[in-house]
Amino acid sequence: MTPAKGQVMFRTQGVELVSQLLQGAFPNYEQLIPQNYQTRAVFDLPTLLRATRTAAIFARDGNNIIRIQMEPDANGGTPGKAIISSRSEEVGDNQGEVDAESLEGGESKIAFNSRYLQEVLSVLERGQVALETTTPSSPGVFKPIDSDDYIHVVMPMFVQW
């Protein structure tokens, strides 16, 4: 270890690893995480992942954009649903519906890059996931229902609805 240079070296049989401390302040990531939301929907994760994977096939030719429109049930029979859609000039349009386990707030629209959306949903693997949104231009927050230790923020894509 050389504290003056901010370096450390690990040596094992056949491998040497050197790491250097970077100078500077770590960004304040907490200011990027929205502290409140206007709409919060809870979904069954495998069902939501399946719908986004289908939409991603169509989104490949359309700038990888997947639109999510959350709608409360006007009749009060179910909590509500999410309409997941994507577009391709060559293949056509895709639209699927995923029932929400619960939905708080009003109607909400947001669009994500399909790769980022599938990445977060694939990492969570199972159970239920909450999607919290404020506006179409504010980050979407994904949280697993069974854990407070994980939060994933996804920046939205700007689209015409």
N, C-alpha and C. Protein backbone atom coordinates (compact mmCIF):
# COMPACT_ATOMS: atom_id res chain seq x y z
N MET A 1 0.84 -1.18 0.00
CA MET A 1 0.00 0.00 0.00
C MET A 1 0.88 1.24 0.00
N THR A 2 0.49 2.19 -0.80
CA THR A 2 1.19 3.47 -0.82
C THR A 2 0.16 4.57 -0.61
N PRO A 3 -0.11 4.92 0.65
CA PRO A 3 -1.13 5.93 0.94
C PRO A 3 -0.85 7.28 0.28
N ALA A 4 0.41 7.63 0.13
CA ALA A 4 0.75 8.92 -0.47
C ALA A 4 0.28 8.99 -1.92
N LYS A 5 0.33 7.88 -2.64
CA LYS A 5 -0.10 7.84 -4.04
C LYS A 5 -1.56 7.40 -4.18
N GLY A 6 -2.15 6.95 -3.08
CA GLY A 6 -3.53 6.48 -3.14
C GLY A 6 -3.66 5.18 -3.90
N GLN A 7 -2.68 4.29 -3.77
CA GLN A 7 -2.70 3.04 -4.51
C GLN A 7 -2.65 1.85 -3.56
N VAL A 8 -3.15 0.72 -4.06
CA VAL A 8 -3.04 -0.54 -3.36
C VAL A 8 -2.79 -1.62 -4.40
N MET A 9 -1.95 -2.61 -4.04
CA MET A 9 -1.66 -3.69 -4.97
C MET A 9 -1.91 -5.02 -4.25
N PHE A 10 -2.61 -5.91 -4.93
CA PHE A 10 -2.85 -7.25 -4.43
C PHE A 10 -2.10 -8.21 -5.35
N ARG A 11 -1.36 -9.12 -4.76
CA ARG A 11 -0.58 -10.08 -5.55
C ARG A 11 -0.90 -11.49 -5.06
N THR A 12 -1.34 -12.31 -6.00
CA THR A 12 -1.54 -13.72 -5.72
C THR A 12 -0.77 -14.50 -6.77
N GLN A 13 -0.83 -15.77 -6.70
CA GLN A 13 -0.08 -16.60 -7.63
C GLN A 13 -0.56 -16.37 -9.06
N GLY A 14 0.29 -15.75 -9.85
CA GLY A 14 -0.01 -15.51 -11.26
C GLY A 14 -0.84 -14.28 -11.55
N VAL A 15 -1.32 -13.53 -10.53
CA VAL A 15 -2.17 -12.36 -10.77
C VAL A 15 -1.70 -11.20 -9.90
N GLU A 16 -1.60 -10.01 -10.53
CA GLU A 16 -1.35 -8.78 -9.80
C GLU A 16 -2.47 -7.81 -10.13
N LEU A 17 -3.04 -7.21 -9.10
CA LEU A 17 -4.12 -6.25 -9.28
C LEU A 17 -3.73 -4.96 -8.58
N VAL A 18 -3.73 -3.85 -9.35
CA VAL A 18 -3.40 -2.54 -8.80
C VAL A 18 -4.63 -1.66 -8.92
N SER A 19 -4.95 -0.97 -7.84
CA SER A 19 -6.09 -0.06 -7.83
C SER A 19 -5.62 1.30 -7.35
N GLN A 20 -6.18 2.35 -7.95
CA GLN A 20 -5.80 3.70 -7.58
C GLN A 20 -7.03 4.48 -7.17
N LEU A 21 -6.91 5.24 -6.08
CA LEU A 21 -7.99 6.08 -5.59
C LEU A 21 -8.16 7.27 -6.52
N LEU A 22 -9.39 7.51 -6.94
CA LEU A 22 -9.69 8.65 -7.80
C LEU A 22 -9.94 9.88 -6.93
N GLN A 23 -9.46 11.01 -7.39
CA GLN A 23 -9.66 12.26 -6.66
C GLN A 23 -11.00 12.86 -7.07
N GLY A 24 -11.64 13.52 -6.14
CA GLY A 24 -12.90 14.20 -6.44
C GLY A 24 -14.00 13.72 -5.52
N ALA A 25 -15.11 14.40 -5.61
CA ALA A 25 -16.27 14.09 -4.76
C ALA A 25 -17.24 13.21 -5.54
N PHE A 26 -17.79 12.21 -4.87
CA PHE A 26 -18.80 11.37 -5.48
C PHE A 26 -20.07 12.19 -5.64
N PRO A 27 -20.74 12.10 -6.80
CA PRO A 27 -21.94 12.92 -7.00
C PRO A 27 -23.04 12.57 -5.99
N ASN A 28 -23.84 13.57 -5.67
CA ASN A 28 -24.95 13.38 -4.75
C ASN A 28 -26.12 12.76 -5.52
N TYR A 29 -26.13 11.43 -5.57
CA TYR A 29 -27.15 10.73 -6.34
C TYR A 29 -28.53 10.84 -5.71
N GLU A 30 -28.60 11.08 -4.41
CA GLU A 30 -29.89 11.14 -3.73
C GLU A 30 -30.78 12.26 -4.24
N GLN A 31 -30.19 13.32 -4.77
CA GLN A 31 -31.00 14.42 -5.29
C GLN A 31 -31.68 14.05 -6.61
N LEU A 32 -31.23 12.97 -7.26
CA LEU A 32 -31.85 12.53 -8.50
C LEU A 32 -33.06 11.63 -8.27
N ILE A 33 -33.18 11.08 -7.06
CA ILE A 33 -34.27 10.17 -6.75
C ILE A 33 -35.50 10.98 -6.31
N PRO A 34 -36.59 10.89 -7.07
CA PRO A 34 -37.79 11.63 -6.67
C PRO A 34 -38.26 11.18 -5.29
N GLN A 35 -38.65 12.14 -4.47
CA GLN A 35 -39.09 11.85 -3.11
C GLN A 35 -40.60 11.63 -3.00
N ASN A 36 -41.34 12.01 -4.03
CA ASN A 36 -42.78 11.79 -4.02
C ASN A 36 -43.23 11.40 -5.42
N TYR A 37 -44.48 11.04 -5.56
CA TYR A 37 -45.00 10.59 -6.84
C TYR A 37 -46.46 11.02 -6.97
N GLN A 38 -46.92 11.06 -8.22
CA GLN A 38 -48.33 11.33 -8.47
C GLN A 38 -49.09 10.04 -8.73
N THR A 39 -48.40 9.06 -9.33
CA THR A 39 -49.01 7.77 -9.62
C THR A 39 -48.08 6.67 -9.17
N ARG A 40 -48.64 5.68 -8.49
CA ARG A 40 -47.87 4.51 -8.05
C ARG A 40 -48.68 3.27 -8.38
N ALA A 41 -48.09 2.40 -9.19
CA ALA A 41 -48.76 1.16 -9.58
C ALA A 41 -47.90 -0.02 -9.19
N VAL A 42 -48.54 -1.07 -8.70
CA VAL A 42 -47.85 -2.31 -8.33
C VAL A 42 -48.27 -3.38 -9.33
N PHE A 43 -47.27 -4.08 -9.89
CA PHE A 43 -47.51 -5.09 -10.90
C PHE A 43 -46.87 -6.41 -10.50
N ASP A 44 -47.43 -7.50 -11.04
CA ASP A 44 -46.78 -8.79 -10.95
C ASP A 44 -45.58 -8.74 -11.90
N LEU A 45 -44.38 -8.94 -11.37
CA LEU A 45 -43.16 -8.75 -12.13
C LEU A 45 -43.06 -9.62 -13.38
N PRO A 46 -43.29 -10.94 -13.29
CA PRO A 46 -43.18 -11.75 -14.52
C PRO A 46 -44.14 -11.31 -15.62
N THR A 47 -45.34 -10.90 -15.26
CA THR A 47 -46.32 -10.44 -16.24
C THR A 47 -45.86 -9.15 -16.91
N LEU A 48 -45.36 -8.22 -16.12
CA LEU A 48 -44.85 -6.95 -16.66
C LEU A 48 -43.63 -7.19 -17.53
N LEU A 49 -42.74 -8.06 -17.11
CA LEU A 49 -41.54 -8.37 -17.89
C LEU A 49 -41.90 -8.99 -19.23
N ARG A 50 -42.87 -9.90 -19.23
CA ARG A 50 -43.31 -10.53 -20.48
C ARG A 50 -43.86 -9.49 -21.45
N ALA A 51 -44.66 -8.57 -20.95
CA ALA A 51 -45.24 -7.53 -21.81
C ALA A 51 -44.17 -6.59 -22.36
N THR A 52 -43.18 -6.26 -21.56
CA THR A 52 -42.12 -5.36 -22.04
C THR A 52 -41.20 -6.07 -23.03
N ARG A 53 -40.99 -7.37 -22.84
CA ARG A 53 -40.16 -8.12 -23.81
C ARG A 53 -40.85 -8.19 -25.17
N THR A 54 -42.15 -8.38 -25.17
CA THR A 54 -42.90 -8.39 -26.43
C THR A 54 -42.83 -7.02 -27.09
N ALA A 55 -43.04 -5.97 -26.31
CA ALA A 55 -42.99 -4.60 -26.85
C ALA A 55 -41.59 -4.27 -27.36
N ALA A 56 -40.56 -4.81 -26.73
CA ALA A 56 -39.18 -4.52 -27.14
C ALA A 56 -38.88 -5.03 -28.54
N ILE A 57 -39.53 -6.10 -28.95
CA ILE A 57 -39.34 -6.62 -30.31
C ILE A 57 -39.76 -5.57 -31.32
N PHE A 58 -40.89 -4.92 -31.08
CA PHE A 58 -41.38 -3.88 -31.97
C PHE A 58 -40.59 -2.59 -31.80
N ALA A 59 -40.11 -2.33 -30.60
CA ALA A 59 -39.41 -1.08 -30.31
C ALA A 59 -38.03 -1.00 -30.97
N ARG A 60 -37.45 -2.14 -31.33
CA ARG A 60 -36.10 -2.14 -31.92
C ARG A 60 -36.02 -1.23 -33.15
N ASP A 61 -37.07 -1.23 -33.95
CA ASP A 61 -37.06 -0.41 -35.16
C ASP A 61 -37.61 0.99 -34.92
N GLY A 62 -38.04 1.29 -33.70
CA GLY A 62 -38.63 2.58 -33.39
C GLY A 62 -37.89 3.30 -32.29
N ASN A 63 -36.58 3.36 -32.37
CA ASN A 63 -35.73 4.06 -31.39
C ASN A 63 -35.78 3.45 -29.99
N ASN A 64 -36.17 2.17 -29.88
CA ASN A 64 -36.22 1.45 -28.60
C ASN A 64 -37.13 2.11 -27.57
N ILE A 65 -38.22 2.70 -28.02
CA ILE A 65 -39.14 3.39 -27.12
C ILE A 65 -40.30 2.49 -26.75
N ILE A 66 -40.51 2.32 -25.44
CA ILE A 66 -41.69 1.63 -24.93
C ILE A 66 -42.49 2.65 -24.12
N ARG A 67 -43.76 2.78 -24.48
CA ARG A 67 -44.65 3.71 -23.77
C ARG A 67 -45.47 2.94 -22.74
N ILE A 68 -45.61 3.52 -21.56
CA ILE A 68 -46.44 2.93 -20.51
C ILE A 68 -47.48 3.96 -20.10
N GLN A 69 -48.73 3.59 -20.24
CA GLN A 69 -49.83 4.46 -19.84
C GLN A 69 -50.59 3.75 -18.74
N MET A 70 -50.57 4.32 -17.54
CA MET A 70 -51.26 3.72 -16.40
C MET A 70 -52.63 4.37 -16.25
N GLU A 71 -53.65 3.53 -16.15
CA GLU A 71 -55.02 4.02 -16.07
C GLU A 71 -55.75 3.37 -14.91
N PRO A 72 -56.29 4.18 -14.00
CA PRO A 72 -57.14 3.60 -12.95
C PRO A 72 -58.44 3.10 -13.56
N ASP A 73 -59.06 2.13 -12.92
CA ASP A 73 -60.34 1.60 -13.41
C ASP A 73 -61.45 2.59 -13.08
N ALA A 74 -62.14 3.05 -14.10
CA ALA A 74 -63.21 4.03 -13.91
C ALA A 74 -64.42 3.42 -13.20
N ASN A 75 -64.63 2.11 -13.36
CA ASN A 75 -65.79 1.45 -12.76
C ASN A 75 -65.55 1.00 -11.34
N GLY A 76 -64.30 0.99 -10.91
CA GLY A 76 -63.99 0.60 -9.54
C GLY A 76 -63.93 -0.90 -9.32
N GLY A 77 -64.01 -1.70 -10.40
CA GLY A 77 -63.98 -3.15 -10.26
C GLY A 77 -62.58 -3.69 -10.00
N THR A 78 -61.59 -3.09 -10.63
CA THR A 78 -60.19 -3.49 -10.45
C THR A 78 -59.38 -2.25 -10.14
N PRO A 79 -58.17 -2.41 -9.63
CA PRO A 79 -57.36 -1.22 -9.34
C PRO A 79 -57.01 -0.40 -10.58
N GLY A 80 -56.77 -1.06 -11.70
CA GLY A 80 -56.40 -0.37 -12.91
C GLY A 80 -55.49 -1.23 -13.75
N LYS A 81 -54.88 -0.61 -14.76
CA LYS A 81 -54.03 -1.36 -15.69
C LYS A 81 -52.97 -0.45 -16.27
N ALA A 82 -52.00 -1.10 -16.91
CA ALA A 82 -50.99 -0.38 -17.67
C ALA A 82 -51.09 -0.84 -19.11
N ILE A 83 -51.11 0.11 -20.01
CA ILE A 83 -51.08 -0.20 -21.43
C ILE A 83 -49.63 0.00 -21.88
N ILE A 84 -49.03 -1.08 -22.37
CA ILE A 84 -47.63 -1.06 -22.76
C ILE A 84 -47.60 -1.15 -24.28
N SER A 85 -47.02 -0.12 -24.92
CA SER A 85 -47.05 -0.09 -26.38
C SER A 85 -45.70 0.30 -26.97
N SER A 86 -45.52 -0.11 -28.21
CA SER A 86 -44.33 0.26 -28.97
C SER A 86 -44.70 0.28 -30.44
N ARG A 87 -43.84 0.89 -31.24
CA ARG A 87 -44.12 1.09 -32.66
C ARG A 87 -42.92 0.75 -33.50
N SER A 88 -43.19 0.17 -34.67
CA SER A 88 -42.16 -0.07 -35.65
C SER A 88 -42.71 0.31 -37.01
N GLU A 89 -41.95 1.09 -37.75
CA GLU A 89 -42.41 1.51 -39.08
C GLU A 89 -42.55 0.31 -40.01
N GLU A 90 -41.67 -0.66 -39.88
CA GLU A 90 -41.67 -1.81 -40.78
C GLU A 90 -42.60 -2.93 -40.32
N VAL A 91 -42.68 -3.17 -39.02
CA VAL A 91 -43.42 -4.31 -38.50
C VAL A 91 -44.84 -3.94 -38.09
N GLY A 92 -45.00 -2.77 -37.52
CA GLY A 92 -46.32 -2.33 -37.06
C GLY A 92 -46.31 -1.93 -35.60
N ASP A 93 -47.49 -1.92 -35.01
CA ASP A 93 -47.64 -1.50 -33.62
C ASP A 93 -47.87 -2.70 -32.71
N ASN A 94 -47.52 -2.54 -31.46
CA ASN A 94 -47.78 -3.54 -30.43
C ASN A 94 -48.42 -2.84 -29.25
N GLN A 95 -49.44 -3.46 -28.71
CA GLN A 95 -50.07 -2.91 -27.51
C GLN A 95 -50.52 -4.08 -26.64
N GLY A 96 -50.10 -4.03 -25.38
CA GLY A 96 -50.50 -5.06 -24.42
C GLY A 96 -50.99 -4.41 -23.15
N GLU A 97 -51.77 -5.15 -22.39
CA GLU A 97 -52.29 -4.64 -21.13
C GLU A 97 -51.83 -5.52 -19.99
N VAL A 98 -51.46 -4.87 -18.89
CA VAL A 98 -51.06 -5.58 -17.68
C VAL A 98 -51.91 -5.03 -16.55
N ASP A 99 -52.63 -5.91 -15.87
CA ASP A 99 -53.46 -5.48 -14.75
C ASP A 99 -52.57 -5.11 -13.57
N ALA A 100 -52.93 -4.04 -12.90
CA ALA A 100 -52.19 -3.60 -11.71
C ALA A 100 -52.76 -4.30 -10.49
N GLU A 101 -51.88 -4.64 -9.57
CA GLU A 101 -52.32 -5.19 -8.29
C GLU A 101 -52.93 -4.07 -7.45
N SER A 102 -52.34 -2.88 -7.58
CA SER A 102 -52.90 -1.68 -6.95
C SER A 102 -52.44 -0.48 -7.77
N LEU A 103 -53.22 0.59 -7.73
CA LEU A 103 -52.87 1.80 -8.46
C LEU A 103 -53.36 3.00 -7.65
N GLU A 104 -52.41 3.84 -7.26
CA GLU A 104 -52.72 5.06 -6.51
C GLU A 104 -52.50 6.25 -7.43
N GLY A 105 -53.35 7.24 -7.34
CA GLY A 105 -53.20 8.44 -8.15
C GLY A 105 -54.00 8.33 -9.43
N GLY A 106 -53.77 9.29 -10.30
CA GLY A 106 -54.52 9.35 -11.55
C GLY A 106 -53.80 8.71 -12.71
N GLU A 107 -54.29 9.00 -13.88
CA GLU A 107 -53.69 8.48 -15.11
C GLU A 107 -52.28 9.05 -15.27
N SER A 108 -51.40 8.24 -15.81
CA SER A 108 -50.02 8.65 -15.98
C SER A 108 -49.46 8.07 -17.27
N LYS A 109 -48.62 8.84 -17.93
CA LYS A 109 -47.96 8.39 -19.16
C LYS A 109 -46.46 8.61 -19.01
N ILE A 110 -45.68 7.60 -19.43
CA ILE A 110 -44.22 7.73 -19.40
C ILE A 110 -43.66 6.77 -20.45
N ALA A 111 -42.52 7.12 -21.00
CA ALA A 111 -41.86 6.28 -22.00
C ALA A 111 -40.42 6.02 -21.57
N PHE A 112 -39.97 4.78 -21.80
CA PHE A 112 -38.62 4.39 -21.42
C PHE A 112 -37.90 3.76 -22.60
N ASN A 113 -36.58 3.78 -22.55
CA ASN A 113 -35.77 3.01 -23.47
C ASN A 113 -35.99 1.54 -23.12
N SER A 114 -36.28 0.73 -24.11
CA SER A 114 -36.63 -0.67 -23.84
C SER A 114 -35.51 -1.43 -23.15
N ARG A 115 -34.27 -1.12 -23.48
CA ARG A 115 -33.14 -1.83 -22.85
C ARG A 115 -33.06 -1.53 -21.36
N TYR A 116 -33.22 -0.25 -20.99
CA TYR A 116 -33.14 0.12 -19.58
C TYR A 116 -34.30 -0.47 -18.79
N LEU A 117 -35.48 -0.48 -19.41
CA LEU A 117 -36.66 -1.02 -18.75
C LEU A 117 -36.51 -2.52 -18.51
N GLN A 118 -36.07 -3.25 -19.52
CA GLN A 118 -35.89 -4.69 -19.37
C GLN A 118 -34.76 -5.01 -18.40
N GLU A 119 -33.75 -4.16 -18.37
CA GLU A 119 -32.63 -4.39 -17.45
C GLU A 119 -33.10 -4.38 -16.00
N VAL A 120 -33.85 -3.37 -15.62
CA VAL A 120 -34.30 -3.30 -14.23
C VAL A 120 -35.27 -4.44 -13.91
N LEU A 121 -36.16 -4.76 -14.81
CA LEU A 121 -37.13 -5.82 -14.54
C LEU A 121 -36.46 -7.19 -14.50
N SER A 122 -35.43 -7.39 -15.28
CA SER A 122 -34.71 -8.66 -15.28
C SER A 122 -33.91 -8.86 -14.00
N VAL A 123 -33.39 -7.79 -13.45
CA VAL A 123 -32.60 -7.87 -12.21
C VAL A 123 -33.49 -8.24 -11.03
N LEU A 124 -34.71 -7.73 -11.01
CA LEU A 124 -35.61 -7.97 -9.88
C LEU A 124 -36.10 -9.41 -9.83
N GLU A 125 -36.23 -10.05 -10.97
CA GLU A 125 -36.50 -11.49 -11.13
C GLU A 125 -37.91 -11.97 -10.78
N ARG A 126 -38.46 -11.71 -9.60
CA ARG A 126 -39.74 -12.30 -9.23
C ARG A 126 -40.50 -11.39 -8.26
N GLY A 127 -41.71 -11.79 -7.94
CA GLY A 127 -42.50 -11.04 -6.97
C GLY A 127 -43.29 -9.93 -7.62
N GLN A 128 -43.38 -8.82 -6.90
CA GLN A 128 -44.11 -7.65 -7.37
C GLN A 128 -43.18 -6.46 -7.41
N VAL A 129 -43.47 -5.54 -8.32
CA VAL A 129 -42.66 -4.34 -8.44
C VAL A 129 -43.60 -3.13 -8.50
N ALA A 130 -43.15 -2.05 -7.87
CA ALA A 130 -43.91 -0.79 -7.91
C ALA A 130 -43.22 0.16 -8.88
N LEU A 131 -44.02 0.83 -9.69
CA LEU A 131 -43.53 1.88 -10.58
C LEU A 131 -44.15 3.18 -10.10
N GLU A 132 -43.28 4.13 -9.73
CA GLU A 132 -43.74 5.44 -9.26
C GLU A 132 -43.35 6.49 -10.30
N THR A 133 -44.32 7.31 -10.70
CA THR A 133 -44.07 8.36 -11.68
C THR A 133 -44.67 9.68 -11.21
N THR A 134 -44.10 10.76 -11.72
CA THR A 134 -44.61 12.09 -11.42
C THR A 134 -45.15 12.74 -12.69
N THR A 135 -44.27 12.94 -13.66
CA THR A 135 -44.65 13.50 -14.96
C THR A 135 -43.96 12.70 -16.05
N PRO A 136 -44.39 12.84 -17.32
CA PRO A 136 -43.72 12.12 -18.40
C PRO A 136 -42.24 12.48 -18.57
N SER A 137 -41.83 13.61 -18.03
CA SER A 137 -40.43 14.03 -18.18
C SER A 137 -39.60 13.84 -16.92
N SER A 138 -40.21 13.29 -15.86
CA SER A 138 -39.50 13.02 -14.61
C SER A 138 -39.11 11.56 -14.56
N PRO A 139 -38.05 11.23 -13.81
CA PRO A 139 -37.61 9.83 -13.74
C PRO A 139 -38.70 8.92 -13.18
N GLY A 140 -38.69 7.68 -13.66
CA GLY A 140 -39.55 6.65 -13.11
C GLY A 140 -38.76 5.87 -12.07
N VAL A 141 -39.40 5.51 -10.98
CA VAL A 141 -38.73 4.80 -9.89
C VAL A 141 -39.34 3.41 -9.78
N PHE A 142 -38.48 2.40 -9.83
CA PHE A 142 -38.89 1.01 -9.67
C PHE A 142 -38.41 0.50 -8.33
N LYS A 143 -39.33 -0.12 -7.58
CA LYS A 143 -39.00 -0.66 -6.27
C LYS A 143 -39.64 -2.03 -6.11
N PRO A 144 -38.88 -3.02 -5.65
CA PRO A 144 -39.52 -4.30 -5.34
C PRO A 144 -40.38 -4.14 -4.09
N ILE A 145 -41.51 -4.81 -4.06
CA ILE A 145 -42.44 -4.68 -2.94
C ILE A 145 -41.89 -5.34 -1.67
N ASP A 146 -41.17 -6.42 -1.83
CA ASP A 146 -40.73 -7.19 -0.67
C ASP A 146 -39.40 -6.74 -0.08
N SER A 147 -38.83 -5.61 -0.57
CA SER A 147 -37.54 -5.16 -0.05
C SER A 147 -37.45 -3.64 -0.11
N ASP A 148 -36.89 -3.06 0.95
CA ASP A 148 -36.64 -1.62 0.97
C ASP A 148 -35.18 -1.30 0.62
N ASP A 149 -34.40 -2.35 0.33
CA ASP A 149 -32.97 -2.18 0.09
C ASP A 149 -32.63 -1.84 -1.34
N TYR A 150 -33.59 -1.84 -2.24
CA TYR A 150 -33.29 -1.65 -3.65
C TYR A 150 -34.22 -0.61 -4.25
N ILE A 151 -33.64 0.27 -5.03
CA ILE A 151 -34.40 1.28 -5.77
C ILE A 151 -33.68 1.48 -7.10
N HIS A 152 -34.44 1.60 -8.17
CA HIS A 152 -33.85 1.78 -9.49
C HIS A 152 -34.54 2.96 -10.17
N VAL A 153 -33.76 3.93 -10.58
CA VAL A 153 -34.30 5.13 -11.23
C VAL A 153 -34.01 5.02 -12.72
N VAL A 154 -35.03 5.21 -13.54
CA VAL A 154 -34.87 5.16 -14.99
C VAL A 154 -35.33 6.50 -15.56
N MET A 155 -34.46 7.11 -16.33
CA MET A 155 -34.80 8.38 -16.96
C MET A 155 -35.75 8.13 -18.13
N PRO A 156 -36.74 8.98 -18.29
CA PRO A 156 -37.73 8.77 -19.37
C PRO A 156 -37.21 9.23 -20.73
N MET A 157 -37.89 8.78 -21.77
CA MET A 157 -37.64 9.24 -23.13
C MET A 157 -38.74 10.28 -23.43
N PHE A 158 -38.39 11.27 -24.18
CA PHE A 158 -39.35 12.30 -24.55
C PHE A 158 -40.02 11.90 -25.85
N VAL A 159 -41.34 11.73 -25.82
CA VAL A 159 -42.09 11.27 -26.99
C VAL A 159 -43.36 12.10 -27.14
N GLN A 160 -43.92 12.01 -28.33
CA GLN A 160 -45.23 12.61 -28.60
C GLN A 160 -46.29 11.57 -28.30
N TRP A 161 -47.30 11.92 -27.54
CA TRP A 161 -48.36 10.97 -27.22
C TRP A 161 -49.48 11.21 -28.17
